[in-house]
């Protein structure tokens, strides 16, 4: 597949994860419990599907970059993998810590921006 195809796959995954996390965070921030959310399973699916697709697309992009670093990833890639883990773990926050759910709505775009910055500028 082409670099552009992998980029679109990667973006689909990121958008799916953000939609799932944002939906859960908005519902929890409004003071609702997980049991009250009829779409909880759908949002969890979006998050899980997005995580898998973002990782798959990301490694496809890496294969197309043809990095020559003796088998060691540059720092920006490790940071992006760390962000992927953070996004994966954030799914536990909204309903367990409802006081943080509202803050999560502000944190998610900032983390997504950080990921985009790292991918585009490759600072380290």
N, C-alpha and C. Protein backbone atom coordinates (compact mmCIF):
# COMPACT_ATOMS: atom_id res chain seq x y z
N UNK A 1 0.84 -1.19 0.00
CA UNK A 1 0.00 0.00 0.00
C UNK A 1 0.88 1.24 0.00
N UNK A 2 0.30 2.33 -0.38
CA UNK A 2 1.05 3.58 -0.47
C UNK A 2 1.11 4.27 0.90
N UNK A 3 2.01 5.23 1.00
CA UNK A 3 2.16 6.03 2.21
C UNK A 3 0.84 6.73 2.54
N UNK A 4 0.19 7.29 1.52
CA UNK A 4 -1.07 8.00 1.72
C UNK A 4 -2.16 7.07 2.25
N UNK A 5 -2.22 5.85 1.75
CA UNK A 5 -3.22 4.90 2.22
C UNK A 5 -3.00 4.58 3.71
N UNK A 6 -1.75 4.35 4.09
CA UNK A 6 -1.46 4.09 5.50
C UNK A 6 -1.78 5.30 6.37
N UNK A 7 -1.54 6.49 5.84
CA UNK A 7 -1.85 7.70 6.60
C UNK A 7 -3.35 7.82 6.84
N UNK A 8 -4.14 7.53 5.83
CA UNK A 8 -5.60 7.58 5.99
C UNK A 8 -6.08 6.53 6.98
N UNK A 9 -5.50 5.33 6.93
CA UNK A 9 -5.85 4.28 7.89
C UNK A 9 -5.50 4.73 9.30
N UNK A 10 -4.31 5.30 9.47
CA UNK A 10 -3.87 5.79 10.77
C UNK A 10 -4.81 6.87 11.29
N UNK A 11 -5.20 7.80 10.44
CA UNK A 11 -6.11 8.87 10.84
C UNK A 11 -7.49 8.34 11.20
N UNK A 12 -7.97 7.34 10.46
CA UNK A 12 -9.26 6.71 10.80
C UNK A 12 -9.20 6.15 12.22
N UNK A 13 -8.11 5.50 12.55
CA UNK A 13 -7.96 4.95 13.89
C UNK A 13 -7.94 6.03 14.96
N UNK A 14 -7.20 7.09 14.70
CA UNK A 14 -7.11 8.19 15.67
C UNK A 14 -8.48 8.83 15.88
N UNK A 15 -9.18 9.11 14.79
CA UNK A 15 -10.49 9.74 14.90
C UNK A 15 -11.48 8.83 15.63
N UNK A 16 -11.40 7.53 15.39
CA UNK A 16 -12.29 6.58 16.07
C UNK A 16 -12.01 6.56 17.57
N UNK A 17 -10.73 6.53 17.93
CA UNK A 17 -10.39 6.55 19.36
C UNK A 17 -10.88 7.83 20.02
N UNK A 18 -10.66 8.96 19.37
CA UNK A 18 -11.09 10.23 19.94
C UNK A 18 -12.61 10.31 20.05
N UNK A 19 -13.33 9.78 19.08
CA UNK A 19 -14.80 9.78 19.14
C UNK A 19 -15.29 8.94 20.32
N UNK A 20 -14.71 7.76 20.49
CA UNK A 20 -15.10 6.90 21.59
C UNK A 20 -14.80 7.52 22.95
N UNK A 21 -13.57 8.02 23.10
CA UNK A 21 -13.19 8.64 24.38
C UNK A 21 -13.98 9.91 24.64
N UNK A 22 -14.16 10.73 23.62
CA UNK A 22 -14.91 11.97 23.78
C UNK A 22 -16.37 11.72 24.16
N UNK A 23 -16.97 10.70 23.53
CA UNK A 23 -18.35 10.37 23.87
C UNK A 23 -18.51 9.92 25.31
N UNK A 24 -17.60 9.07 25.75
CA UNK A 24 -17.66 8.61 27.15
C UNK A 24 -17.39 9.76 28.11
N UNK A 25 -16.40 10.59 27.79
CA UNK A 25 -16.05 11.70 28.68
C UNK A 25 -17.19 12.71 28.78
N UNK A 26 -17.83 13.02 27.66
CA UNK A 26 -18.95 13.97 27.68
C UNK A 26 -20.12 13.42 28.49
N UNK A 27 -20.41 12.15 28.33
CA UNK A 27 -21.50 11.52 29.08
C UNK A 27 -21.20 11.53 30.57
N UNK A 28 -19.98 11.15 30.92
CA UNK A 28 -19.59 11.11 32.34
C UNK A 28 -19.51 12.52 32.93
N UNK A 29 -19.04 13.49 32.14
CA UNK A 29 -18.93 14.86 32.64
C UNK A 29 -20.30 15.46 32.94
N UNK A 30 -21.33 14.95 32.27
CA UNK A 30 -22.70 15.42 32.54
C UNK A 30 -23.27 14.79 33.80
N UNK A 31 -22.48 13.93 34.45
CA UNK A 31 -22.92 13.34 35.72
C UNK A 31 -23.61 12.00 35.58
N UNK A 32 -23.55 11.39 34.42
CA UNK A 32 -24.22 10.12 34.20
C UNK A 32 -23.29 8.95 34.51
N UNK A 33 -23.89 7.83 34.85
CA UNK A 33 -23.13 6.61 35.12
C UNK A 33 -23.00 5.79 33.83
N UNK A 34 -22.05 4.89 33.85
CA UNK A 34 -21.82 4.03 32.68
C UNK A 34 -23.07 3.24 32.34
N UNK A 35 -23.79 2.80 33.36
CA UNK A 35 -25.00 2.00 33.14
C UNK A 35 -26.11 2.79 32.44
N UNK A 36 -26.05 4.11 32.54
CA UNK A 36 -27.04 4.97 31.89
C UNK A 36 -26.73 5.22 30.42
N UNK A 37 -25.56 4.85 30.00
CA UNK A 37 -25.12 5.13 28.63
C UNK A 37 -25.48 3.95 27.73
N UNK A 38 -26.51 4.14 26.93
CA UNK A 38 -26.94 3.07 26.02
C UNK A 38 -25.91 2.79 24.94
N UNK A 39 -25.04 3.74 24.68
CA UNK A 39 -24.04 3.60 23.62
C UNK A 39 -22.66 3.24 24.15
N UNK A 40 -22.58 2.81 25.40
CA UNK A 40 -21.28 2.51 25.99
C UNK A 40 -20.52 1.44 25.20
N UNK A 41 -21.20 0.39 24.81
CA UNK A 41 -20.53 -0.68 24.05
C UNK A 41 -20.05 -0.17 22.69
N UNK A 42 -20.84 0.66 22.06
CA UNK A 42 -20.44 1.24 20.77
C UNK A 42 -19.21 2.13 20.94
N UNK A 43 -19.20 2.94 21.98
CA UNK A 43 -18.06 3.82 22.23
C UNK A 43 -16.81 3.01 22.57
N UNK A 44 -16.97 1.95 23.33
CA UNK A 44 -15.83 1.08 23.65
C UNK A 44 -15.31 0.40 22.38
N UNK A 45 -16.23 -0.02 21.51
CA UNK A 45 -15.80 -0.62 20.24
C UNK A 45 -15.03 0.40 19.41
N UNK A 46 -15.54 1.63 19.32
CA UNK A 46 -14.85 2.67 18.56
C UNK A 46 -13.44 2.89 19.10
N UNK A 47 -13.33 2.90 20.41
CA UNK A 47 -12.02 3.11 21.03
C UNK A 47 -11.08 1.95 20.72
N UNK A 48 -11.54 0.73 20.92
CA UNK A 48 -10.69 -0.44 20.67
C UNK A 48 -10.34 -0.61 19.21
N UNK A 49 -11.32 -0.45 18.35
CA UNK A 49 -11.09 -0.52 16.90
C UNK A 49 -10.10 0.56 16.49
N UNK A 50 -10.31 1.75 17.00
CA UNK A 50 -9.43 2.86 16.66
C UNK A 50 -8.00 2.63 17.11
N UNK A 51 -7.83 2.06 18.30
CA UNK A 51 -6.48 1.79 18.80
C UNK A 51 -5.77 0.79 17.90
N UNK A 52 -6.46 -0.25 17.51
CA UNK A 52 -5.86 -1.27 16.64
C UNK A 52 -5.53 -0.71 15.27
N UNK A 53 -6.45 0.03 14.70
CA UNK A 53 -6.26 0.59 13.35
C UNK A 53 -5.17 1.67 13.36
N UNK A 54 -5.14 2.50 14.41
CA UNK A 54 -4.11 3.54 14.49
C UNK A 54 -2.73 2.91 14.58
N UNK A 55 -2.60 1.85 15.37
CA UNK A 55 -1.31 1.18 15.50
C UNK A 55 -0.90 0.51 14.19
N UNK A 56 -1.83 -0.16 13.54
CA UNK A 56 -1.54 -0.82 12.27
C UNK A 56 -1.14 0.20 11.21
N UNK A 57 -1.91 1.26 11.09
CA UNK A 57 -1.58 2.31 10.12
C UNK A 57 -0.26 2.99 10.45
N UNK A 58 0.01 3.19 11.73
CA UNK A 58 1.25 3.82 12.13
C UNK A 58 2.47 3.00 11.76
N UNK A 59 2.40 1.69 11.98
CA UNK A 59 3.53 0.85 11.61
C UNK A 59 3.65 0.71 10.09
N UNK A 60 2.53 0.79 9.40
CA UNK A 60 2.59 0.82 7.94
C UNK A 60 3.30 2.08 7.45
N UNK A 61 3.01 3.20 8.11
CA UNK A 61 3.70 4.44 7.77
C UNK A 61 5.21 4.33 8.04
N UNK A 62 5.54 3.71 9.15
CA UNK A 62 6.96 3.53 9.47
C UNK A 62 7.67 2.69 8.41
N UNK A 63 7.00 1.67 7.93
CA UNK A 63 7.61 0.83 6.90
C UNK A 63 7.86 1.63 5.63
N UNK A 64 6.97 2.57 5.33
CA UNK A 64 7.13 3.39 4.13
C UNK A 64 8.19 4.47 4.29
N UNK A 65 8.50 4.85 5.53
CA UNK A 65 9.52 5.88 5.76
C UNK A 65 10.93 5.37 5.50
N UNK A 66 11.12 4.05 5.58
CA UNK A 66 12.43 3.43 5.36
C UNK A 66 13.51 4.10 6.19
N UNK A 67 13.30 4.11 7.50
CA UNK A 67 14.26 4.71 8.41
C UNK A 67 15.52 3.86 8.49
N UNK A 68 16.66 4.50 8.48
CA UNK A 68 17.93 3.80 8.62
C UNK A 68 18.53 4.18 9.96
N UNK A 69 18.24 3.40 10.98
CA UNK A 69 18.73 3.73 12.32
C UNK A 69 19.23 2.48 13.04
N UNK A 70 19.74 1.52 12.31
CA UNK A 70 20.29 0.30 12.90
C UNK A 70 19.27 -0.44 13.77
N UNK A 71 18.01 -0.41 13.39
CA UNK A 71 16.98 -1.14 14.11
C UNK A 71 16.44 -0.45 15.35
N UNK A 72 16.91 0.76 15.64
CA UNK A 72 16.43 1.50 16.81
C UNK A 72 15.56 2.65 16.32
N UNK A 73 14.37 2.74 16.89
CA UNK A 73 13.46 3.81 16.50
C UNK A 73 13.95 5.16 17.04
N UNK A 74 13.73 6.24 16.28
CA UNK A 74 14.02 7.58 16.81
C UNK A 74 13.08 7.91 17.98
N UNK A 75 13.45 8.92 18.74
CA UNK A 75 12.69 9.29 19.93
C UNK A 75 11.25 9.68 19.67
N UNK A 76 10.99 10.31 18.53
CA UNK A 76 9.63 10.76 18.26
C UNK A 76 8.69 9.56 18.08
N UNK A 77 9.23 8.44 17.58
CA UNK A 77 8.39 7.25 17.42
C UNK A 77 8.06 6.65 18.78
N UNK A 78 9.06 6.60 19.68
CA UNK A 78 8.80 6.08 21.02
C UNK A 78 7.78 6.96 21.74
N UNK A 79 7.87 8.26 21.53
CA UNK A 79 6.91 9.17 22.15
C UNK A 79 5.51 8.94 21.60
N UNK A 80 5.41 8.70 20.29
CA UNK A 80 4.10 8.41 19.69
C UNK A 80 3.54 7.09 20.23
N UNK A 81 4.39 6.09 20.42
CA UNK A 81 3.94 4.82 21.01
C UNK A 81 3.46 5.05 22.45
N UNK A 82 4.16 5.92 23.17
CA UNK A 82 3.72 6.28 24.52
C UNK A 82 2.36 6.96 24.50
N UNK A 83 2.15 7.85 23.54
CA UNK A 83 0.84 8.50 23.39
C UNK A 83 -0.25 7.47 23.09
N UNK A 84 0.09 6.49 22.27
CA UNK A 84 -0.87 5.44 21.95
C UNK A 84 -1.27 4.70 23.23
N UNK A 85 -0.30 4.40 24.09
CA UNK A 85 -0.59 3.75 25.36
C UNK A 85 -1.45 4.64 26.26
N UNK A 86 -1.15 5.93 26.28
CA UNK A 86 -1.94 6.87 27.08
C UNK A 86 -3.39 6.90 26.58
N UNK A 87 -3.56 7.03 25.25
CA UNK A 87 -4.92 7.02 24.70
C UNK A 87 -5.64 5.71 25.03
N UNK A 88 -4.90 4.61 25.01
CA UNK A 88 -5.51 3.33 25.35
C UNK A 88 -5.95 3.26 26.81
N UNK A 89 -5.15 3.84 27.69
CA UNK A 89 -5.47 3.82 29.12
C UNK A 89 -6.52 4.83 29.54
N UNK A 90 -6.68 5.88 28.78
CA UNK A 90 -7.64 6.93 29.15
C UNK A 90 -9.08 6.44 29.16
N UNK A 91 -9.33 5.31 28.55
CA UNK A 91 -10.69 4.77 28.51
C UNK A 91 -11.18 4.44 29.93
N UNK A 92 -10.27 4.24 30.86
CA UNK A 92 -10.64 3.90 32.24
C UNK A 92 -11.02 5.12 33.06
N UNK A 93 -10.72 6.31 32.59
CA UNK A 93 -10.90 7.52 33.40
C UNK A 93 -12.34 8.01 33.51
N UNK A 94 -13.09 8.18 32.42
CA UNK A 94 -14.35 8.93 32.52
C UNK A 94 -15.32 8.45 33.59
N UNK A 95 -15.58 7.17 33.67
CA UNK A 95 -16.60 6.71 34.62
C UNK A 95 -16.03 6.40 35.99
N UNK A 96 -14.74 6.17 36.09
CA UNK A 96 -14.13 5.89 37.39
C UNK A 96 -13.83 7.17 38.14
N UNK A 97 -13.45 8.21 37.43
CA UNK A 97 -13.13 9.51 38.03
C UNK A 97 -13.92 10.57 37.29
N UNK A 98 -15.21 10.66 37.59
CA UNK A 98 -16.07 11.58 36.85
C UNK A 98 -15.64 13.02 37.00
N UNK A 99 -14.93 13.34 38.06
CA UNK A 99 -14.46 14.72 38.22
C UNK A 99 -13.40 15.06 37.18
N UNK A 100 -12.70 14.05 36.66
CA UNK A 100 -11.68 14.28 35.63
C UNK A 100 -12.24 14.21 34.21
N UNK A 101 -13.47 13.75 34.06
CA UNK A 101 -14.05 13.56 32.73
C UNK A 101 -14.12 14.87 31.95
N UNK A 102 -14.49 15.94 32.62
CA UNK A 102 -14.57 17.24 31.93
C UNK A 102 -13.18 17.68 31.48
N UNK A 103 -12.20 17.50 32.34
CA UNK A 103 -10.83 17.86 31.98
C UNK A 103 -10.34 17.03 30.79
N UNK A 104 -10.79 15.80 30.72
CA UNK A 104 -10.39 14.92 29.62
C UNK A 104 -10.83 15.48 28.27
N UNK A 105 -11.97 16.17 28.25
CA UNK A 105 -12.45 16.78 27.01
C UNK A 105 -11.50 17.85 26.50
N UNK A 106 -10.74 18.47 27.40
CA UNK A 106 -9.75 19.46 27.00
C UNK A 106 -8.39 18.82 26.71
N UNK A 107 -8.11 17.74 27.40
CA UNK A 107 -6.81 17.07 27.25
C UNK A 107 -6.72 16.29 25.94
N UNK A 108 -7.80 15.67 25.51
CA UNK A 108 -7.78 14.85 24.29
C UNK A 108 -7.30 15.61 23.05
N UNK A 109 -7.82 16.80 22.76
CA UNK A 109 -7.30 17.50 21.57
C UNK A 109 -5.84 17.91 21.71
N UNK A 110 -5.42 18.22 22.93
CA UNK A 110 -4.02 18.61 23.15
C UNK A 110 -3.10 17.42 22.88
N UNK A 111 -3.49 16.25 23.36
CA UNK A 111 -2.68 15.05 23.11
C UNK A 111 -2.67 14.69 21.62
N UNK A 112 -3.81 14.85 20.95
CA UNK A 112 -3.86 14.58 19.51
C UNK A 112 -2.98 15.57 18.75
N UNK A 113 -2.98 16.82 19.18
CA UNK A 113 -2.12 17.83 18.56
C UNK A 113 -0.65 17.46 18.76
N UNK A 114 -0.30 17.01 19.95
CA UNK A 114 1.08 16.59 20.23
C UNK A 114 1.50 15.46 19.30
N UNK A 115 0.61 14.49 19.10
CA UNK A 115 0.91 13.39 18.18
C UNK A 115 1.11 13.88 16.76
N UNK A 116 0.27 14.81 16.32
CA UNK A 116 0.40 15.36 14.97
C UNK A 116 1.70 16.15 14.83
N UNK A 117 2.04 16.91 15.87
CA UNK A 117 3.29 17.67 15.85
C UNK A 117 4.49 16.73 15.71
N UNK A 118 4.50 15.67 16.51
CA UNK A 118 5.61 14.71 16.45
C UNK A 118 5.73 14.06 15.08
N UNK A 119 4.59 13.70 14.50
CA UNK A 119 4.62 13.02 13.20
C UNK A 119 5.07 13.95 12.08
N UNK A 120 4.69 15.20 12.15
CA UNK A 120 5.01 16.12 11.07
C UNK A 120 6.41 16.74 11.18
N UNK A 121 6.85 17.03 12.40
CA UNK A 121 8.12 17.72 12.57
C UNK A 121 9.28 16.80 12.98
N UNK A 122 8.94 15.60 13.52
CA UNK A 122 9.96 14.63 13.93
C UNK A 122 11.12 15.31 14.65
N UNK A 123 10.83 15.96 15.81
CA UNK A 123 11.84 16.81 16.45
C UNK A 123 13.04 16.07 17.04
N UNK A 124 12.90 14.81 17.34
CA UNK A 124 14.03 14.07 17.92
C UNK A 124 13.96 12.61 17.53
